[in-house]
Amino acid sequence: MRASLLDMIHATPTRFLKTCHRTRIDGLATASAWDNLVARYSETHRHYHNLTHLDRMLSHMDRVAPDNEAIEFAIWFHDAIYDPLARDNEARSADLFTECF
């Protein structure tokens, strides 16, 4: 069963927007990046790297490294691009981060 955004506490659009705002990322780029991430992490072939996984990682981050934008962006984008047969998902996901911002 896939969790909806309403079931999540940490992986929310408000949190993402606030993190982008703190780092002075443009609002239009932020909204576009959020839509992109939600679409990617909601892909039907994902069984693990999905929005629930992000929520758990952000929850853990809040306990051990709160208010760390670098770690938070790494979490949001760490497997945004996910092809189960590819070996370069992380590199392509890092490229996506630079394309978004």
N, C-alpha and C. Protein backbone atom coordinates (compact mmCIF):
# COMPACT_ATOMS: atom_id res chain seq x y z
N MET A 1 0.84 -1.17 0.00
CA MET A 1 0.00 0.00 0.00
C MET A 1 0.89 1.25 0.00
N ARG A 2 0.65 2.13 -0.91
CA ARG A 2 1.46 3.34 -1.07
C ARG A 2 0.87 4.45 -0.19
N ALA A 3 1.74 5.08 0.60
CA ALA A 3 1.27 6.17 1.46
C ALA A 3 1.00 7.42 0.62
N SER A 4 -0.01 8.14 1.00
CA SER A 4 -0.29 9.39 0.31
C SER A 4 0.50 10.50 0.98
N LEU A 5 0.62 11.64 0.31
CA LEU A 5 1.31 12.77 0.90
C LEU A 5 0.64 13.21 2.19
N LEU A 6 -0.67 13.02 2.30
CA LEU A 6 -1.37 13.42 3.51
C LEU A 6 -1.00 12.55 4.71
N ASP A 7 -0.52 11.34 4.46
CA ASP A 7 -0.12 10.45 5.55
C ASP A 7 1.27 10.77 6.07
N MET A 8 2.01 11.59 5.37
CA MET A 8 3.39 11.84 5.73
C MET A 8 3.53 13.06 6.63
N ILE A 9 4.51 13.01 7.46
CA ILE A 9 4.78 14.11 8.37
C ILE A 9 5.94 14.95 7.87
N HIS A 10 6.92 14.34 7.25
CA HIS A 10 8.17 15.02 6.92
C HIS A 10 8.34 15.34 5.44
N ALA A 11 7.92 14.45 4.56
CA ALA A 11 8.11 14.66 3.11
C ALA A 11 6.91 15.44 2.57
N THR A 12 6.89 16.72 2.86
CA THR A 12 5.75 17.55 2.48
C THR A 12 6.19 18.67 1.54
N PRO A 13 5.28 19.18 0.75
CA PRO A 13 5.64 20.30 -0.11
C PRO A 13 6.05 21.53 0.70
N THR A 14 5.41 21.74 1.84
CA THR A 14 5.77 22.90 2.67
C THR A 14 7.22 22.80 3.13
N ARG A 15 7.62 21.63 3.57
CA ARG A 15 9.01 21.45 4.01
C ARG A 15 9.98 21.70 2.87
N PHE A 16 9.70 21.12 1.72
CA PHE A 16 10.57 21.29 0.56
C PHE A 16 10.67 22.77 0.18
N LEU A 17 9.54 23.45 0.15
CA LEU A 17 9.54 24.88 -0.21
C LEU A 17 10.32 25.71 0.80
N LYS A 18 10.18 25.41 2.09
CA LYS A 18 10.91 26.14 3.12
C LYS A 18 12.41 25.92 3.01
N THR A 19 12.81 24.69 2.73
CA THR A 19 14.24 24.40 2.56
C THR A 19 14.80 25.15 1.37
N CYS A 20 14.06 25.16 0.28
CA CYS A 20 14.50 25.90 -0.90
C CYS A 20 14.56 27.40 -0.60
N HIS A 21 13.58 27.90 0.12
CA HIS A 21 13.55 29.33 0.46
C HIS A 21 14.76 29.71 1.32
N ARG A 22 15.10 28.86 2.31
CA ARG A 22 16.26 29.13 3.17
C ARG A 22 17.55 29.19 2.38
N THR A 23 17.61 28.47 1.27
CA THR A 23 18.82 28.45 0.45
C THR A 23 18.71 29.40 -0.73
N ARG A 24 17.66 30.22 -0.72
CA ARG A 24 17.45 31.28 -1.72
C ARG A 24 17.25 30.74 -3.14
N ILE A 25 16.57 29.60 -3.23
CA ILE A 25 16.24 29.05 -4.55
C ILE A 25 14.94 29.68 -5.01
N ASP A 26 14.88 30.04 -6.24
CA ASP A 26 13.73 30.70 -6.85
C ASP A 26 12.45 29.88 -6.67
N GLY A 27 11.36 30.58 -6.37
CA GLY A 27 10.08 29.92 -6.12
C GLY A 27 9.55 29.13 -7.30
N LEU A 28 9.71 29.62 -8.50
CA LEU A 28 9.24 28.90 -9.68
C LEU A 28 10.02 27.61 -9.87
N ALA A 29 11.33 27.68 -9.69
CA ALA A 29 12.16 26.47 -9.79
C ALA A 29 11.79 25.48 -8.69
N THR A 30 11.48 25.99 -7.52
CA THR A 30 11.11 25.14 -6.40
C THR A 30 9.83 24.37 -6.69
N ALA A 31 8.81 25.05 -7.17
CA ALA A 31 7.54 24.40 -7.47
C ALA A 31 7.71 23.35 -8.56
N SER A 32 8.48 23.66 -9.56
CA SER A 32 8.73 22.71 -10.64
C SER A 32 9.50 21.49 -10.13
N ALA A 33 10.51 21.73 -9.29
CA ALA A 33 11.30 20.63 -8.74
C ALA A 33 10.43 19.73 -7.87
N TRP A 34 9.55 20.32 -7.06
CA TRP A 34 8.65 19.54 -6.21
C TRP A 34 7.77 18.63 -7.07
N ASP A 35 7.16 19.20 -8.09
CA ASP A 35 6.30 18.40 -8.97
C ASP A 35 7.09 17.26 -9.61
N ASN A 36 8.30 17.55 -10.02
CA ASN A 36 9.18 16.55 -10.63
C ASN A 36 9.48 15.42 -9.64
N LEU A 37 9.84 15.78 -8.42
CA LEU A 37 10.16 14.77 -7.41
C LEU A 37 8.96 13.89 -7.07
N VAL A 38 7.81 14.51 -6.87
CA VAL A 38 6.62 13.73 -6.54
C VAL A 38 6.28 12.76 -7.66
N ALA A 39 6.36 13.22 -8.89
CA ALA A 39 6.08 12.33 -10.02
C ALA A 39 7.06 11.17 -10.06
N ARG A 40 8.33 11.46 -9.83
CA ARG A 40 9.34 10.39 -9.89
C ARG A 40 9.20 9.40 -8.75
N TYR A 41 9.07 9.91 -7.52
CA TYR A 41 8.98 9.01 -6.37
C TYR A 41 7.63 8.29 -6.29
N SER A 42 6.69 8.66 -7.12
CA SER A 42 5.39 7.99 -7.17
C SER A 42 5.29 6.99 -8.32
N GLU A 43 6.36 6.79 -9.06
CA GLU A 43 6.33 5.85 -10.19
C GLU A 43 5.93 4.46 -9.69
N THR A 44 5.14 3.77 -10.49
CA THR A 44 4.58 2.49 -10.05
C THR A 44 5.61 1.39 -9.86
N HIS A 45 6.76 1.48 -10.51
CA HIS A 45 7.76 0.42 -10.38
C HIS A 45 8.60 0.54 -9.10
N ARG A 46 8.38 1.59 -8.34
CA ARG A 46 9.15 1.77 -7.10
C ARG A 46 8.51 1.01 -5.96
N HIS A 47 9.34 0.20 -5.33
CA HIS A 47 8.85 -0.56 -4.17
C HIS A 47 9.53 -0.08 -2.90
N TYR A 48 10.63 0.60 -3.01
CA TYR A 48 11.38 1.04 -1.84
C TYR A 48 11.71 2.53 -1.92
N HIS A 49 12.36 2.97 -2.97
CA HIS A 49 12.71 4.38 -3.11
C HIS A 49 11.48 5.16 -3.57
N ASN A 50 10.64 5.47 -2.60
CA ASN A 50 9.39 6.16 -2.87
C ASN A 50 9.20 7.27 -1.83
N LEU A 51 8.04 7.89 -1.82
CA LEU A 51 7.80 9.00 -0.89
C LEU A 51 7.82 8.56 0.57
N THR A 52 7.38 7.35 0.85
CA THR A 52 7.43 6.83 2.21
C THR A 52 8.87 6.71 2.68
N HIS A 53 9.74 6.23 1.81
CA HIS A 53 11.17 6.12 2.13
C HIS A 53 11.76 7.51 2.41
N LEU A 54 11.42 8.50 1.59
CA LEU A 54 11.91 9.85 1.84
C LEU A 54 11.43 10.36 3.19
N ASP A 55 10.17 10.11 3.49
CA ASP A 55 9.62 10.55 4.77
C ASP A 55 10.41 9.96 5.94
N ARG A 56 10.72 8.69 5.87
CA ARG A 56 11.48 8.04 6.94
C ARG A 56 12.89 8.62 7.05
N MET A 57 13.51 8.87 5.92
CA MET A 57 14.87 9.43 5.94
C MET A 57 14.86 10.85 6.52
N LEU A 58 13.89 11.65 6.14
CA LEU A 58 13.80 13.02 6.67
C LEU A 58 13.52 12.99 8.17
N SER A 59 12.70 12.06 8.61
CA SER A 59 12.43 11.91 10.03
C SER A 59 13.73 11.60 10.79
N HIS A 60 14.51 10.69 10.26
CA HIS A 60 15.79 10.34 10.88
C HIS A 60 16.73 11.55 10.87
N MET A 61 16.79 12.26 9.76
CA MET A 61 17.64 13.43 9.67
C MET A 61 17.27 14.46 10.73
N ASP A 62 15.98 14.64 10.96
CA ASP A 62 15.52 15.60 11.96
C ASP A 62 16.04 15.27 13.36
N ARG A 63 16.27 13.99 13.60
CA ARG A 63 16.79 13.58 14.91
C ARG A 63 18.30 13.73 15.01
N VAL A 64 19.03 13.50 13.93
CA VAL A 64 20.50 13.47 14.02
C VAL A 64 21.20 14.67 13.40
N ALA A 65 20.58 15.34 12.45
CA ALA A 65 21.23 16.48 11.78
C ALA A 65 20.18 17.50 11.35
N PRO A 66 19.44 18.07 12.30
CA PRO A 66 18.37 19.00 11.91
C PRO A 66 18.92 20.25 11.23
N ASP A 67 18.09 20.81 10.37
CA ASP A 67 18.41 22.08 9.70
C ASP A 67 19.70 22.03 8.90
N ASN A 68 19.94 20.92 8.23
CA ASN A 68 21.12 20.79 7.38
C ASN A 68 20.63 20.66 5.93
N GLU A 69 20.66 21.78 5.22
CA GLU A 69 20.10 21.80 3.87
C GLU A 69 20.83 20.86 2.91
N ALA A 70 22.14 20.73 3.06
CA ALA A 70 22.89 19.84 2.15
C ALA A 70 22.42 18.39 2.30
N ILE A 71 22.29 17.94 3.54
CA ILE A 71 21.82 16.57 3.77
C ILE A 71 20.38 16.44 3.29
N GLU A 72 19.57 17.45 3.57
CA GLU A 72 18.17 17.36 3.17
C GLU A 72 18.02 17.26 1.65
N PHE A 73 18.76 18.08 0.91
CA PHE A 73 18.68 17.98 -0.55
C PHE A 73 19.22 16.63 -1.04
N ALA A 74 20.24 16.11 -0.38
CA ALA A 74 20.74 14.78 -0.75
C ALA A 74 19.65 13.73 -0.57
N ILE A 75 18.89 13.86 0.50
CA ILE A 75 17.78 12.92 0.73
C ILE A 75 16.72 13.08 -0.35
N TRP A 76 16.28 14.29 -0.60
CA TRP A 76 15.21 14.51 -1.59
C TRP A 76 15.58 13.96 -2.96
N PHE A 77 16.85 14.08 -3.34
CA PHE A 77 17.24 13.74 -4.71
C PHE A 77 18.02 12.43 -4.82
N HIS A 78 18.28 11.70 -3.74
CA HIS A 78 19.24 10.60 -3.77
C HIS A 78 18.91 9.50 -4.77
N ASP A 79 17.69 9.22 -5.04
CA ASP A 79 17.33 8.26 -6.08
C ASP A 79 16.09 8.75 -6.80
N ALA A 80 16.08 10.03 -7.10
CA ALA A 80 14.94 10.61 -7.83
C ALA A 80 14.79 9.93 -9.18
N ILE A 81 15.91 9.63 -9.79
CA ILE A 81 15.88 8.84 -11.02
C ILE A 81 16.19 7.41 -10.61
N TYR A 82 15.25 6.52 -10.90
CA TYR A 82 15.42 5.14 -10.47
C TYR A 82 15.01 4.18 -11.57
N ASP A 83 16.01 3.55 -12.13
CA ASP A 83 15.82 2.47 -13.09
C ASP A 83 16.45 1.24 -12.46
N PRO A 84 15.65 0.24 -12.11
CA PRO A 84 16.19 -0.92 -11.40
C PRO A 84 17.32 -1.64 -12.15
N LEU A 85 17.41 -1.44 -13.44
CA LEU A 85 18.46 -2.11 -14.22
C LEU A 85 19.69 -1.25 -14.43
N ALA A 86 19.63 0.00 -14.04
CA ALA A 86 20.75 0.92 -14.27
C ALA A 86 21.68 0.95 -13.07
N ARG A 87 22.92 1.30 -13.34
CA ARG A 87 23.92 1.42 -12.28
C ARG A 87 24.28 2.87 -11.99
N ASP A 88 23.65 3.78 -12.70
CA ASP A 88 24.01 5.19 -12.55
C ASP A 88 22.87 6.05 -12.01
N ASN A 89 21.95 5.44 -11.27
CA ASN A 89 20.81 6.18 -10.75
C ASN A 89 21.23 7.37 -9.89
N GLU A 90 22.19 7.17 -8.99
CA GLU A 90 22.62 8.24 -8.10
C GLU A 90 23.26 9.39 -8.88
N ALA A 91 24.10 9.07 -9.84
CA ALA A 91 24.75 10.11 -10.64
C ALA A 91 23.72 10.88 -11.46
N ARG A 92 22.79 10.17 -12.05
CA ARG A 92 21.74 10.85 -12.82
C ARG A 92 20.83 11.67 -11.92
N SER A 93 20.61 11.20 -10.70
CA SER A 93 19.80 11.96 -9.75
C SER A 93 20.52 13.24 -9.32
N ALA A 94 21.83 13.16 -9.15
CA ALA A 94 22.61 14.37 -8.83
C ALA A 94 22.55 15.36 -9.99
N ASP A 95 22.61 14.85 -11.20
CA ASP A 95 22.45 15.72 -12.38
C ASP A 95 21.09 16.37 -12.40
N LEU A 96 20.07 15.64 -12.00
CA LEU A 96 18.73 16.19 -11.95
C LEU A 96 18.66 17.37 -10.97
N PHE A 97 19.33 17.23 -9.83
CA PHE A 97 19.36 18.33 -8.86
C PHE A 97 19.92 19.60 -9.51
N THR A 98 21.03 19.46 -10.21
CA THR A 98 21.62 20.66 -10.84
C THR A 98 20.74 21.19 -11.96
N GLU A 99 20.03 20.31 -12.64
CA GLU A 99 19.10 20.77 -13.70
C GLU A 99 17.91 21.52 -13.09
N CYS A 100 17.44 21.07 -11.95
CA CYS A 100 16.28 21.70 -11.30
C CYS A 100 16.61 23.09 -10.78
N PHE A 101 17.85 23.27 -10.30
CA PHE A 101 18.21 24.53 -9.67
C PHE A 101 19.36 25.20 -10.36
